[in-house]
């Protein structure tokens, strides 16, 4: 489970991010207004690299494929 304040490291370029919030985004099909998909989203703030201080939003499914959680040892 992802919680606010959790730290993650990118699997590709070793960028650190902190989770700011998690939320559900509703995706409505413009051709069929009755069709609504609920998409889990994660908003993060970048803590290292060129874009330090900027926020980025990810779908939860894609986030787990691109980031690993940093655990306290």
N, C-alpha and C. Protein backbone atom coordinates (compact mmCIF):
# COMPACT_ATOMS: atom_id res chain seq x y z
N UNK A 1 0.85 -1.19 0.00
CA UNK A 1 0.00 0.00 0.00
C UNK A 1 0.88 1.24 0.00
N UNK A 2 0.56 2.16 -0.84
CA UNK A 2 1.31 3.41 -0.94
C UNK A 2 0.67 4.44 -0.02
N UNK A 3 1.50 5.11 0.78
CA UNK A 3 1.00 6.13 1.70
C UNK A 3 1.72 7.45 1.44
N UNK A 4 1.10 8.52 1.87
CA UNK A 4 1.69 9.85 1.78
C UNK A 4 3.01 9.84 2.54
N UNK A 5 4.06 10.39 1.93
CA UNK A 5 5.37 10.46 2.57
C UNK A 5 6.30 9.33 2.22
N UNK A 6 5.80 8.25 1.56
CA UNK A 6 6.67 7.14 1.16
C UNK A 6 7.67 7.61 0.10
N UNK A 7 8.89 7.06 0.17
CA UNK A 7 9.95 7.39 -0.78
C UNK A 7 10.13 6.25 -1.77
N UNK A 8 10.34 6.60 -3.03
CA UNK A 8 10.55 5.62 -4.09
C UNK A 8 11.73 6.06 -4.95
N UNK A 9 12.41 5.06 -5.54
CA UNK A 9 13.53 5.31 -6.45
C UNK A 9 13.17 4.76 -7.82
N UNK A 10 13.47 5.55 -8.84
CA UNK A 10 13.22 5.13 -10.21
C UNK A 10 14.13 3.95 -10.56
N UNK A 11 13.60 2.98 -11.30
CA UNK A 11 14.39 1.82 -11.70
C UNK A 11 15.35 2.14 -12.83
N UNK A 12 15.09 3.20 -13.59
CA UNK A 12 15.92 3.50 -14.75
C UNK A 12 17.01 4.53 -14.47
N UNK A 13 16.67 5.67 -13.90
CA UNK A 13 17.67 6.73 -13.75
C UNK A 13 17.93 7.14 -12.30
N UNK A 14 17.51 6.33 -11.34
CA UNK A 14 17.81 6.53 -9.92
C UNK A 14 17.31 7.87 -9.35
N UNK A 15 16.21 8.39 -9.86
CA UNK A 15 15.60 9.60 -9.33
C UNK A 15 14.77 9.24 -8.10
N UNK A 16 14.86 10.06 -7.05
CA UNK A 16 14.06 9.87 -5.84
C UNK A 16 12.80 10.71 -5.91
N UNK A 17 11.68 10.11 -5.49
CA UNK A 17 10.41 10.84 -5.42
C UNK A 17 9.74 10.55 -4.09
N UNK A 18 8.93 11.49 -3.64
CA UNK A 18 8.13 11.33 -2.43
C UNK A 18 6.67 11.42 -2.80
N UNK A 19 5.85 10.54 -2.27
CA UNK A 19 4.41 10.53 -2.56
C UNK A 19 3.75 11.69 -1.82
N UNK A 20 3.06 12.53 -2.56
CA UNK A 20 2.33 13.66 -2.00
C UNK A 20 0.90 13.26 -1.67
N UNK A 21 0.27 12.50 -2.60
CA UNK A 21 -1.10 12.03 -2.36
C UNK A 21 -1.44 10.92 -3.34
N UNK A 22 -2.42 10.14 -2.96
CA UNK A 22 -3.01 9.14 -3.84
C UNK A 22 -4.49 9.48 -3.97
N UNK A 23 -5.05 9.24 -5.14
CA UNK A 23 -6.46 9.55 -5.36
C UNK A 23 -7.00 8.72 -6.52
N UNK A 24 -8.31 8.69 -6.67
CA UNK A 24 -8.98 8.00 -7.77
C UNK A 24 -9.46 9.03 -8.78
N UNK A 25 -9.10 8.81 -10.04
CA UNK A 25 -9.49 9.69 -11.14
C UNK A 25 -10.55 8.99 -11.97
N UNK A 26 -11.66 9.68 -12.25
CA UNK A 26 -12.68 9.08 -13.09
C UNK A 26 -12.43 9.44 -14.55
N UNK A 27 -12.42 8.41 -15.38
CA UNK A 27 -12.18 8.56 -16.81
C UNK A 27 -13.50 8.26 -17.53
N UNK A 28 -14.10 9.29 -18.10
CA UNK A 28 -15.41 9.15 -18.75
C UNK A 28 -15.21 9.06 -20.26
N UNK A 29 -15.79 8.04 -20.86
CA UNK A 29 -15.72 7.86 -22.31
C UNK A 29 -16.61 8.91 -22.97
N UNK A 30 -16.04 9.78 -23.85
CA UNK A 30 -16.85 10.84 -24.47
C UNK A 30 -17.97 10.31 -25.37
N UNK A 31 -17.81 9.10 -25.90
CA UNK A 31 -18.84 8.54 -26.77
C UNK A 31 -19.94 7.83 -26.00
N UNK A 32 -19.67 7.50 -24.74
CA UNK A 32 -20.66 6.80 -23.93
C UNK A 32 -20.56 7.31 -22.49
N UNK A 33 -21.31 8.36 -22.14
CA UNK A 33 -21.21 8.97 -20.81
C UNK A 33 -21.51 8.03 -19.65
N UNK A 34 -22.22 6.91 -19.91
CA UNK A 34 -22.50 5.95 -18.84
C UNK A 34 -21.29 5.09 -18.50
N UNK A 35 -20.29 5.10 -19.38
CA UNK A 35 -19.09 4.28 -19.18
C UNK A 35 -18.03 5.09 -18.43
N UNK A 36 -17.81 4.73 -17.18
CA UNK A 36 -16.85 5.45 -16.34
C UNK A 36 -15.85 4.45 -15.78
N UNK A 37 -14.55 4.78 -15.92
CA UNK A 37 -13.50 3.95 -15.34
C UNK A 37 -12.86 4.73 -14.19
N UNK A 38 -12.59 4.05 -13.09
CA UNK A 38 -11.92 4.67 -11.95
C UNK A 38 -10.45 4.25 -12.02
N UNK A 39 -9.56 5.24 -12.11
CA UNK A 39 -8.13 4.98 -12.26
C UNK A 39 -7.40 5.47 -11.02
N UNK A 40 -6.65 4.58 -10.38
CA UNK A 40 -5.84 4.96 -9.22
C UNK A 40 -4.66 5.80 -9.66
N UNK A 41 -4.48 6.96 -9.03
CA UNK A 41 -3.41 7.89 -9.40
C UNK A 41 -2.51 8.17 -8.20
N UNK A 42 -1.26 8.51 -8.49
CA UNK A 42 -0.28 8.87 -7.47
C UNK A 42 0.35 10.19 -7.88
N UNK A 43 0.37 11.16 -6.97
CA UNK A 43 1.05 12.43 -7.22
C UNK A 43 2.33 12.44 -6.39
N UNK A 44 3.45 12.74 -7.05
CA UNK A 44 4.75 12.73 -6.37
C UNK A 44 5.46 14.06 -6.56
N UNK A 45 6.44 14.30 -5.70
CA UNK A 45 7.34 15.44 -5.87
C UNK A 45 8.73 14.86 -6.07
N UNK A 46 9.47 15.39 -7.03
CA UNK A 46 10.80 14.89 -7.37
C UNK A 46 11.82 15.49 -6.40
N UNK A 47 12.64 14.62 -5.79
CA UNK A 47 13.61 15.04 -4.78
C UNK A 47 15.04 15.08 -5.29
N UNK A 48 15.32 14.55 -6.48
CA UNK A 48 16.68 14.57 -7.02
C UNK A 48 16.63 14.66 -8.54
N UNK A 49 17.75 15.00 -9.13
CA UNK A 49 17.83 15.08 -10.59
C UNK A 49 17.59 16.49 -11.10
N UNK A 50 17.36 16.59 -12.39
CA UNK A 50 17.21 17.89 -13.06
C UNK A 50 15.89 18.58 -12.72
N UNK A 51 14.85 17.83 -12.46
CA UNK A 51 13.52 18.40 -12.22
C UNK A 51 13.18 18.47 -10.74
N UNK A 52 14.15 18.69 -9.90
CA UNK A 52 13.94 18.70 -8.45
C UNK A 52 12.87 19.73 -8.07
N UNK A 53 11.95 19.33 -7.20
CA UNK A 53 10.89 20.23 -6.73
C UNK A 53 9.62 20.20 -7.56
N UNK A 54 9.64 19.59 -8.73
CA UNK A 54 8.45 19.54 -9.58
C UNK A 54 7.57 18.35 -9.18
N UNK A 55 6.28 18.47 -9.45
CA UNK A 55 5.36 17.38 -9.15
C UNK A 55 5.03 16.63 -10.44
N UNK A 56 4.82 15.32 -10.31
CA UNK A 56 4.41 14.48 -11.43
C UNK A 56 3.30 13.56 -10.97
N UNK A 57 2.42 13.23 -11.90
CA UNK A 57 1.31 12.32 -11.61
C UNK A 57 1.49 11.06 -12.44
N UNK A 58 1.20 9.91 -11.80
CA UNK A 58 1.34 8.62 -12.45
C UNK A 58 0.09 7.79 -12.20
N UNK A 59 -0.23 6.90 -13.12
CA UNK A 59 -1.22 5.86 -12.85
C UNK A 59 -0.53 4.86 -11.93
N UNK A 60 -1.28 4.29 -11.00
CA UNK A 60 -0.67 3.35 -10.05
C UNK A 60 -0.05 2.16 -10.76
N UNK A 61 -0.72 1.65 -11.78
CA UNK A 61 -0.20 0.48 -12.51
C UNK A 61 1.17 0.79 -13.12
N UNK A 62 1.32 1.93 -13.76
CA UNK A 62 2.59 2.30 -14.37
C UNK A 62 3.65 2.68 -13.34
N UNK A 63 3.22 3.22 -12.22
CA UNK A 63 4.15 3.63 -11.16
C UNK A 63 4.90 2.42 -10.61
N UNK A 64 4.19 1.32 -10.36
CA UNK A 64 4.83 0.11 -9.80
C UNK A 64 5.83 -0.50 -10.77
N UNK A 65 5.64 -0.29 -12.06
CA UNK A 65 6.58 -0.84 -13.06
C UNK A 65 7.84 0.02 -13.18
N UNK A 66 7.77 1.29 -12.75
CA UNK A 66 8.89 2.22 -12.94
C UNK A 66 9.64 2.57 -11.66
N UNK A 67 9.06 2.29 -10.49
CA UNK A 67 9.67 2.70 -9.23
C UNK A 67 9.71 1.55 -8.23
N UNK A 68 10.69 1.61 -7.32
CA UNK A 68 10.76 0.67 -6.21
C UNK A 68 10.74 1.45 -4.91
N UNK A 69 10.10 0.87 -3.89
CA UNK A 69 9.96 1.53 -2.60
C UNK A 69 11.26 1.42 -1.81
N UNK A 70 11.65 2.52 -1.17
CA UNK A 70 12.82 2.51 -0.30
C UNK A 70 12.36 2.16 1.10
N UNK A 71 12.94 1.13 1.66
CA UNK A 71 12.56 0.64 2.98
C UNK A 71 13.58 1.09 4.02
N UNK A 72 13.11 1.34 5.24
CA UNK A 72 14.02 1.64 6.36
C UNK A 72 14.61 0.33 6.85
N UNK A 73 15.93 0.33 7.04
CA UNK A 73 16.59 -0.89 7.51
C UNK A 73 17.23 -0.67 8.85
